[in-house]
Amino acid sequence: MQDKNFLQRLTKSQQDKWIGGVCGGLGEYTPIPSWCWRFIFSVLFFFFGFGLLFYILLWIFVPAGEDNGQ
């Protein structure tokens, strides 16, 4: 079987997290850095009102990443 696709590999970050590790995890698996993801979610929250909803859904449904003992 082929490698897992992006959504199956996505996990929350254990090292780069402020609240839940969602943006850190997105930053690890995409070419966009985590600070950009934080900015995107903030803009969606303040201008459109649904950035917080997206973040909470990702926080619930994205599995936690492995802790490398750091």
PDB file of N, CA and C in Angstrom:
ATOM      1  N   MET A   1       0.846  -1.179   0.000  1.00  0.00           N
ATOM      2  CA  MET A   1       0.000   0.000   0.000  1.00  0.00           C
ATOM      3  C   MET A   1       0.890   1.240   0.000  1.00  0.00           C
ATOM      4  N   GLN A   2       0.394   2.304  -0.564  1.00  0.00           N
ATOM      5  CA  GLN A   2       1.142   3.556  -0.670  1.00  0.00           C
ATOM      6  C   GLN A   2       1.330   4.197   0.711  1.00  0.00           C
ATOM      7  N   ASP A   3       2.227   5.186   0.733  1.00  0.00           N
ATOM      8  CA  ASP A   3       2.412   5.959   1.959  1.00  0.00           C
ATOM      9  C   ASP A   3       1.094   6.578   2.393  1.00  0.00           C
ATOM     10  N   LYS A   4       1.013   6.872   3.683  1.00  0.00           N
ATOM     11  CA  LYS A   4      -0.175   7.552   4.188  1.00  0.00           C
ATOM     12  C   LYS A   4      -0.268   8.942   3.567  1.00  0.00           C
ATOM     13  N   ASN A   5      -1.478   9.391   3.304  1.00  0.00           N
ATOM     14  CA  ASN A   5      -1.627  10.730   2.757  1.00  0.00           C
ATOM     15  C   ASN A   5      -1.478  11.768   3.867  1.00  0.00           C
ATOM     16  N   PHE A   6      -1.528  13.021   3.483  1.00  0.00           N
ATOM     17  CA  PHE A   6      -1.291  14.130   4.410  1.00  0.00           C
ATOM     18  C   PHE A   6      -2.196  14.086   5.633  1.00  0.00           C
ATOM     19  N   LEU A   7      -3.472  13.858   5.430  1.00  0.00           N
ATOM     20  CA  LEU A   7      -4.408  13.889   6.549  1.00  0.00           C
ATOM     21  C   LEU A   7      -4.184  12.732   7.520  1.00  0.00           C
ATOM     22  N   GLN A   8      -3.678  11.616   7.039  1.00  0.00           N
ATOM     23  CA  GLN A   8      -3.412  10.495   7.935  1.00  0.00           C
ATOM     24  C   GLN A   8      -2.122  10.699   8.717  1.00  0.00           C
ATOM     25  N   ARG A   9      -1.195  11.513   8.216  1.00  0.00           N
ATOM     26  CA  ARG A   9       0.064  11.768   8.910  1.00  0.00           C
ATOM     27  C   ARG A   9      -0.010  12.958   9.854  1.00  0.00           C
ATOM     28  N   LEU A  10      -1.019  13.789   9.709  1.00  0.00           N
ATOM     29  CA  LEU A  10      -1.128  15.010  10.504  1.00  0.00           C
ATOM     30  C   LEU A  10      -1.359  14.677  11.968  1.00  0.00           C
ATOM     31  N   THR A  11      -0.516  15.217  12.832  1.00  0.00           N
ATOM     32  CA  THR A  11      -0.673  15.076  14.279  1.00  0.00           C
ATOM     33  C   THR A  11      -0.431  16.431  14.931  1.00  0.00           C
ATOM     34  N   LYS A  12      -0.902  16.578  16.161  1.00  0.00           N
ATOM     35  CA  LYS A  12      -0.629  17.795  16.921  1.00  0.00           C
ATOM     36  C   LYS A  12       0.819  17.758  17.396  1.00  0.00           C
ATOM     37  N   SER A  13       1.453  18.900  17.388  1.00  0.00           N
ATOM     38  CA  SER A  13       2.852  18.994  17.797  1.00  0.00           C
ATOM     39  C   SER A  13       2.965  18.948  19.317  1.00  0.00           C
ATOM     40  N   GLN A  14       3.983  18.282  19.806  1.00  0.00           N
ATOM     41  CA  GLN A  14       4.256  18.247  21.241  1.00  0.00           C
ATOM     42  C   GLN A  14       5.301  19.292  21.637  1.00  0.00           C
ATOM     43  N   GLN A  15       6.106  19.762  20.675  1.00  0.00           N
ATOM     44  CA  GLN A  15       7.152  20.736  20.974  1.00  0.00           C
ATOM     45  C   GLN A  15       6.726  22.165  20.645  1.00  0.00           C
ATOM     46  N   ASP A  16       6.084  22.360  19.499  1.00  0.00           N
ATOM     47  CA  ASP A  16       5.711  23.689  19.033  1.00  0.00           C
ATOM     48  C   ASP A  16       4.219  23.900  19.265  1.00  0.00           C
ATOM     49  N   LYS A  17       3.864  24.187  20.521  1.00  0.00           N
ATOM     50  CA  LYS A  17       2.448  24.413  20.806  1.00  0.00           C
ATOM     51  C   LYS A  17       2.278  25.549  21.795  1.00  0.00           C
ATOM     52  N   TRP A  18       1.188  26.278  21.618  1.00  0.00           N
ATOM     53  CA  TRP A  18       0.809  27.332  22.546  1.00  0.00           C
ATOM     54  C   TRP A  18      -0.412  26.892  23.331  1.00  0.00           C
ATOM     55  N   ILE A  19      -1.403  26.396  22.646  1.00  0.00           N
ATOM     56  CA  ILE A  19      -2.626  25.955  23.306  1.00  0.00           C
ATOM     57  C   ILE A  19      -2.787  24.448  23.135  1.00  0.00           C
ATOM     58  N   GLY A  20      -3.068  24.010  21.915  1.00  0.00           N
ATOM     59  CA  GLY A  20      -3.330  22.593  21.695  1.00  0.00           C
ATOM     60  C   GLY A  20      -2.338  21.891  20.794  1.00  0.00           C
ATOM     61  N   GLY A  21      -1.460  22.627  20.134  1.00  0.00           N
ATOM     62  CA  GLY A  21      -0.495  22.023  19.237  1.00  0.00           C
ATOM     63  C   GLY A  21      -0.982  21.860  17.810  1.00  0.00           C
ATOM     64  N   VAL A  22      -2.159  22.377  17.504  1.00  0.00           N
ATOM     65  CA  VAL A  22      -2.724  22.227  16.171  1.00  0.00           C
ATOM     66  C   VAL A  22      -1.889  22.999  15.144  1.00  0.00           C
ATOM     67  N   CYS A  23      -1.592  24.243  15.397  1.00  0.00           N
ATOM     68  CA  CYS A  23      -0.826  25.055  14.449  1.00  0.00           C
ATOM     69  C   CYS A  23       0.604  24.547  14.315  1.00  0.00           C
ATOM     70  N   GLY A  24       1.184  24.091  15.406  1.00  0.00           N
ATOM     71  CA  GLY A  24       2.516  23.501  15.341  1.00  0.00           C
ATOM     72  C   GLY A  24       2.529  22.245  14.491  1.00  0.00           C
ATOM     73  N   GLY A  25       1.500  21.425  14.616  1.00  0.00           N
ATOM     74  CA  GLY A  25       1.389  20.222  13.803  1.00  0.00           C
ATOM     75  C   GLY A  25       1.195  20.543  12.338  1.00  0.00           C
ATOM     76  N   LEU A  26       0.370  21.544  12.049  1.00  0.00           N
ATOM     77  CA  LEU A  26       0.195  21.972  10.661  1.00  0.00           C
ATOM     78  C   LEU A  26       1.501  22.523  10.100  1.00  0.00           C
ATOM     79  N   GLY A  27       2.266  23.226  10.936  1.00  0.00           N
ATOM     80  CA  GLY A  27       3.550  23.761  10.510  1.00  0.00           C
ATOM     81  C   GLY A  27       4.580  22.684  10.226  1.00  0.00           C
ATOM     82  N   GLU A  28       4.495  21.559  10.925  1.00  0.00           N
ATOM     83  CA  GLU A  28       5.431  20.458  10.698  1.00  0.00           C
ATOM     84  C   GLU A  28       5.134  19.708   9.408  1.00  0.00           C
ATOM     85  N   TYR A  29       3.888  19.631   9.001  1.00  0.00           N
ATOM     86  CA  TYR A  29       3.496  18.814   7.854  1.00  0.00           C
ATOM     87  C   TYR A  29       3.170  19.602   6.603  1.00  0.00           C
ATOM     88  N   THR A  30       3.264  20.926   6.647  1.00  0.00           N
ATOM     89  CA  THR A  30       3.047  21.750   5.471  1.00  0.00           C
ATOM     90  C   THR A  30       4.251  22.673   5.303  1.00  0.00           C
ATOM     91  N   PRO A  31       4.424  23.255   4.129  1.00  0.00           N
ATOM     92  CA  PRO A  31       5.529  24.211   3.954  1.00  0.00           C
ATOM     93  C   PRO A  31       5.276  25.561   4.620  1.00  0.00           C
ATOM     94  N   ILE A  32       4.100  25.746   5.190  1.00  0.00           N
ATOM     95  CA  ILE A  32       3.754  27.002   5.863  1.00  0.00           C
ATOM     96  C   ILE A  32       4.175  26.895   7.330  1.00  0.00           C
ATOM     97  N   PRO A  33       4.959  27.860   7.855  1.00  0.00           N
ATOM     98  CA  PRO A  33       5.378  27.787   9.257  1.00  0.00           C
ATOM     99  C   PRO A  33       4.208  27.946  10.228  1.00  0.00           C
ATOM    100  N   SER A  34       4.418  27.493  11.454  1.00  0.00           N
ATOM    101  CA  SER A  34       3.337  27.493  12.443  1.00  0.00           C
ATOM    102  C   SER A  34       2.846  28.892  12.779  1.00  0.00           C
ATOM    103  N   TRP A  35       3.736  29.895  12.764  1.00  0.00           N
ATOM    104  CA  TRP A  35       3.273  31.255  13.080  1.00  0.00           C
ATOM    105  C   TRP A  35       2.286  31.747  12.025  1.00  0.00           C
ATOM    106  N   CYS A  36       2.451  31.315  10.776  1.00  0.00           N
ATOM    107  CA  CYS A  36       1.490  31.693   9.730  1.00  0.00           C
ATOM    108  C   CYS A  36       0.137  31.047   9.980  1.00  0.00           C
ATOM    109  N   TRP A  37       0.152  29.787  10.415  1.00  0.00           N
ATOM    110  CA  TRP A  37      -1.112  29.117  10.740  1.00  0.00           C
ATOM    111  C   TRP A  37      -1.805  29.832  11.891  1.00  0.00           C
ATOM    112  N   ARG A  38      -1.057  30.258  12.888  1.00  0.00           N
ATOM    113  CA  ARG A  38      -1.650  30.998  14.011  1.00  0.00           C
ATOM    114  C   ARG A  38      -2.277  32.297  13.522  1.00  0.00           C
ATOM    115  N   PHE A  39      -1.581  32.976  12.615  1.00  0.00           N
ATOM    116  CA  PHE A  39      -2.096  34.212  12.045  1.00  0.00           C
ATOM    117  C   PHE A  39      -3.371  33.952  11.245  1.00  0.00           C
ATOM    118  N   ILE A  40      -3.375  32.895  10.438  1.00  0.00           N
ATOM    119  CA  ILE A  40      -4.546  32.553   9.632  1.00  0.00           C
ATOM    120  C   ILE A  40      -5.757  32.277  10.518  1.00  0.00           C
ATOM    121  N   PHE A  41      -5.565  31.483  11.573  1.00  0.00           N
ATOM    122  CA  PHE A  41      -6.685  31.188  12.471  1.00  0.00           C
ATOM    123  C   PHE A  41      -7.158  32.455  13.191  1.00  0.00           C
ATOM    124  N   SER A  42      -6.231  33.344  13.537  1.00  0.00           N
ATOM    125  CA  SER A  42      -6.611  34.598  14.193  1.00  0.00           C
ATOM    126  C   SER A  42      -7.429  35.485  13.256  1.00  0.00           C
ATOM    127  N   VAL A  43      -6.989  35.590  12.012  1.00  0.00           N
ATOM    128  CA  VAL A  43      -7.721  36.406  11.037  1.00  0.00           C
ATOM    129  C   VAL A  43      -9.109  35.824  10.807  1.00  0.00           C
ATOM    130  N   LEU A  44      -9.184  34.502  10.649  1.00  0.00           N
ATOM    131  CA  LEU A  44     -10.497  33.873  10.455  1.00  0.00           C
ATOM    132  C   LEU A  44     -11.406  34.101  11.649  1.00  0.00           C
ATOM    133  N   PHE A  45     -10.833  34.107  12.843  1.00  0.00           N
ATOM    134  CA  PHE A  45     -11.643  34.328  14.043  1.00  0.00           C
ATOM    135  C   PHE A  45     -12.131  35.775  14.127  1.00  0.00           C
ATOM    136  N   PHE A  46     -11.230  36.732  13.957  1.00  0.00           N
ATOM    137  CA  PHE A  46     -11.597  38.135  14.159  1.00  0.00           C
ATOM    138  C   PHE A  46     -12.417  38.717  13.015  1.00  0.00           C
ATOM    139  N   PHE A  47     -12.219  38.241  11.786  1.00  0.00           N
ATOM    140  CA  PHE A  47     -12.936  38.836  10.671  1.00  0.00           C
ATOM    141  C   PHE A  47     -14.162  38.037  10.244  1.00  0.00           C
ATOM    142  N   PHE A  48     -14.124  36.737  10.416  1.00  0.00           N
ATOM    143  CA  PHE A  48     -15.245  35.932   9.935  1.00  0.00           C
ATOM    144  C   PHE A  48     -15.929  35.139  11.050  1.00  0.00           C
ATOM    145  N   GLY A  49     -15.254  34.975  12.184  1.00  0.00           N
ATOM    146  CA  GLY A  49     -15.876  34.345  13.331  1.00  0.00           C
ATOM    147  C   GLY A  49     -15.791  32.836  13.407  1.00  0.00           C
ATOM    148  N   PHE A  50     -15.238  32.179  12.402  1.00  0.00           N
ATOM    149  CA  PHE A  50     -15.224  30.722  12.470  1.00  0.00           C
ATOM    150  C   PHE A  50     -13.822  30.128  12.590  1.00  0.00           C
ATOM    151  N   GLY A  51     -12.808  30.939  12.800  1.00  0.00           N
ATOM    152  CA  GLY A  51     -11.451  30.421  13.021  1.00  0.00           C
ATOM    153  C   GLY A  51     -11.371  29.613  14.303  1.00  0.00           C
ATOM    154  N   LEU A  52     -12.049  30.054  15.338  1.00  0.00           N
ATOM    155  CA  LEU A  52     -12.059  29.324  16.604  1.00  0.00           C
ATOM    156  C   LEU A  52     -12.755  27.982  16.455  1.00  0.00           C
ATOM    157  N   LEU A  53     -13.826  27.944  15.703  1.00  0.00           N
ATOM    158  CA  LEU A  53     -14.535  26.685  15.461  1.00  0.00           C
ATOM    159  C   LEU A  53     -13.631  25.691  14.735  1.00  0.00           C
ATOM    160  N   PHE A  54     -12.938  26.137  13.668  1.00  0.00           N
ATOM    161  CA  PHE A  54     -12.012  25.257  12.952  1.00  0.00           C
ATOM    162  C   PHE A  54     -10.920  24.741  13.879  1.00  0.00           C
ATOM    163  N   TYR A  55     -10.365  25.649  14.700  1.00  0.00           N
ATOM    164  CA  TYR A  55      -9.288  25.259  15.603  1.00  0.00           C
ATOM    165  C   TYR A  55      -9.773  24.204  16.607  1.00  0.00           C
ATOM    166  N   ILE A  56     -10.927  24.417  17.177  1.00  0.00           N
ATOM    167  CA  ILE A  56     -11.456  23.467  18.166  1.00  0.00           C
ATOM    168  C   ILE A  56     -11.741  22.118  17.521  1.00  0.00           C
ATOM    169  N   LEU A  57     -12.300  22.119  16.316  1.00  0.00           N
ATOM    170  CA  LEU A  57     -12.542  20.850  15.627  1.00  0.00           C
ATOM    171  C   LEU A  57     -11.240  20.109  15.338  1.00  0.00           C
ATOM    172  N   LEU A  58     -10.219  20.831  14.894  1.00  0.00           N
ATOM    173  CA  LEU A  58      -8.923  20.193  14.661  1.00  0.00           C
ATOM    174  C   LEU A  58      -8.318  19.698  15.974  1.00  0.00           C
ATOM    175  N   TRP A  59      -8.474  20.468  17.035  1.00  0.00           N
ATOM    176  CA  TRP A  59      -7.948  20.089  18.342  1.00  0.00           C
ATOM    177  C   TRP A  59      -8.581  18.772  18.810  1.00  0.00           C
ATOM    178  N   ILE A  60      -9.853  18.602  18.527  1.00  0.00           N
ATOM    179  CA  ILE A  60     -10.561  17.395  18.943  1.00  0.00           C
ATOM    180  C   ILE A  60     -10.200  16.200  18.064  1.00  0.00           C
ATOM    181  N   PHE A  61     -10.170  16.389  16.750  1.00  0.00           N
ATOM    182  CA  PHE A  61     -10.074  15.252  15.840  1.00  0.00           C
ATOM    183  C   PHE A  61      -8.665  14.888  15.371  1.00  0.00           C
ATOM    184  N   VAL A  62      -7.692  15.795  15.489  1.00  0.00           N
ATOM    185  CA  VAL A  62      -6.330  15.458  15.092  1.00  0.00           C
ATOM    186  C   VAL A  62      -5.640  14.753  16.269  1.00  0.00           C
ATOM    187  N   PRO A  63      -5.049  13.588  16.014  1.00  0.00           N
ATOM    188  CA  PRO A  63      -4.413  12.853  17.115  1.00  0.00           C
ATOM    189  C   PRO A  63      -3.141  13.557  17.600  1.00  0.00           C
ATOM    190  N   ALA A  64      -2.791  13.285  18.841  1.00  0.00           N
ATOM    191  CA  ALA A  64      -1.577  13.847  19.424  1.00  0.00           C
ATOM    192  C   ALA A  64      -0.364  13.172  18.803  1.00  0.00           C
ATOM    193  N   GLY A  65       0.696  13.966  18.628  1.00  0.00           N
ATOM    194  CA  GLY A  65       1.947  13.443  18.107  1.00  0.00           C
ATOM    195  C   GLY A  65       2.730  12.737  19.189  1.00  0.00           C
ATOM    196  N   GLU A  66       3.778  12.066  18.775  1.00  0.00           N
ATOM    197  CA  GLU A  66       4.627  11.357  19.731  1.00  0.00           C
ATOM    198  C   GLU A  66       5.556  12.338  20.405  1.00  0.00           C
ATOM    199  N   ASP A  67       5.748  12.154  21.699  1.00  0.00           N
ATOM    200  CA  ASP A  67       6.672  12.979  22.460  1.00  0.00           C
ATOM    201  C   ASP A  67       8.055  12.356  22.340  1.00  0.00           C
ATOM    202  N   ASN A  68       9.030  13.128  21.873  1.00  0.00           N
ATOM    203  CA  ASN A  68      10.377  12.603  21.671  1.00  0.00           C
ATOM    204  C   ASN A  68      11.253  12.742  22.906  1.00  0.00           C
ATOM    205  N   GLY A  69      10.668  12.983  24.052  1.00  0.00           N
ATOM    206  CA  GLY A  69      11.415  13.078  25.304  1.00  0.00           C
ATOM    207  C   GLY A  69      12.198  14.346  25.464  1.00  0.00           C
ATOM    208  N   GLN A  70      11.826  15.397  24.770  1.00  0.00           N
ATOM    209  CA  GLN A  70      12.541  16.659  24.873  1.00  0.00           C
ATOM    210  C   GLN A  70      11.870  17.573  25.833  1.00  0.00           C
TER     211      GLN A  70
END
